[in-house]
Amino acid sequence: MPVVHWERTLDTHELRHLIAVARGIIMIAVASAAPGFAPDISGCGGHLANLFGHSFVHGTMPMRTKSMSFLRRGFPALILLCSMLAQAHAVQVLTFEGLQDLEGILGFYNGGAGSLGSGPGPNLGVSFTAGALAVIDADAGGSGNFANEPSPDTVGFFLNAPSMSMNVPTGFSTGFSFYYSTAQPGSVAVYDGLNATGNLLAVLALNPLTMSGSGDPTGFFNTWAPVSMTFGGLAKSVDFSGAASLVAFDNITLGSACPASFLPGDFDFDCDVDGIDFLKWQRGESPDPLSSDDLADWETNYGTDLGPLASATSTVPEPATVVLVILTAAGVCLRKCRTTLRIPITHSRLRQAS
């Protein structure tokens, strides 16, 4: 069938996916400028694929046009970019569950095993130095002298070392949060090198907490405080320090200003319960997917906004370079894609241009 010049507008399917892709780009830019903000951009690649697929299947963007040639060449890279950015901003929670009592954490969260062979754990690209251990609540058969832990029954601590380091070789820039329990002063420091080396990006003092004396039923360290940290730059390690065996950590949450389990019904860990959390529940992304208990938590706490937690901010502010790159790319895309609204198509599809 001959190809002739016609004018067309985007149909509703294409428009919906194009808006979703644009929204993803905007959300990525906002997240890059605000390190503690972790948007849900997981559907960016899917919408881009749907936009491409729908247009091709319906014959509205023939492969011979210049605009389609641009999309064809750039499509794999755009899909990869969406995938990488979605993964980079995904919330990851380290609960230490699945490790044995007094087992070295090591590469358990790097898809490997703990020092006693537990694993393989989830492959989150995170590992710990040799001094970092897991300990199980004594009320659950372990040797831990703690109670009311955010995610029963295991927490992280260090025993025969002044600190423990968490390494993320690929780096992260989205901030993180966690719970801690201690009766002695401690601190957490973020570095741009592995094993607490390189530039110091942020530091947070851990104030001693007052233990309530109420266990589950036993345990001295029974008060836990949630805190968050944001910073500029790309972090590759976090150093948790304090008195050995006297400070514990749980629910270390990468990519969120609120640690997991802090607010029931807050399924995206942003310190409030709103409509986005309901969408998370509908998608099966709550702790117990599609359960009535999770829905009840959402209904009970809907509208709750706890505001910012006690936190540390960047000690070395840096410009959000990624934002400039994304906006530049978006400008190029808009200039290139402008021609897709006036493209050659077969005469059996749409009305002729006036």
Foldseek 3Di string as FASTA:
>chain_A
DDWDWFFFADDPLLVVLVVLLVVLLVQLLVCLQALQAQDQLLCNLVSLVSNLVVCVVQQLDDCPDPLNVVCVVCSVVSSVVSNVSNLLQDKDWDFVPQDDAFWAQACCCCLAATNVGGDVHHRSQKGKDRQKGKHFDVVVPTDAQEAPDLDPTIWIFGAPDQKMKMFRQVFHQNWWKWKKFFQWKWKKWWAQDPPPDHDTWKMDIDHHDDFPCCHVNGHRRYDMFMEIEHGADTTGMMIIGDDHPGMIIGTIMPNHQAGPSPQQLCLRRHQAQEPVSVVCQVVLRHPGRVDPVSVVSSVVRHPGHPPGGHYMYTPDHDDSVVSVVSVVVVVVSCVSCVCSSTIIGDPVRDDGDD
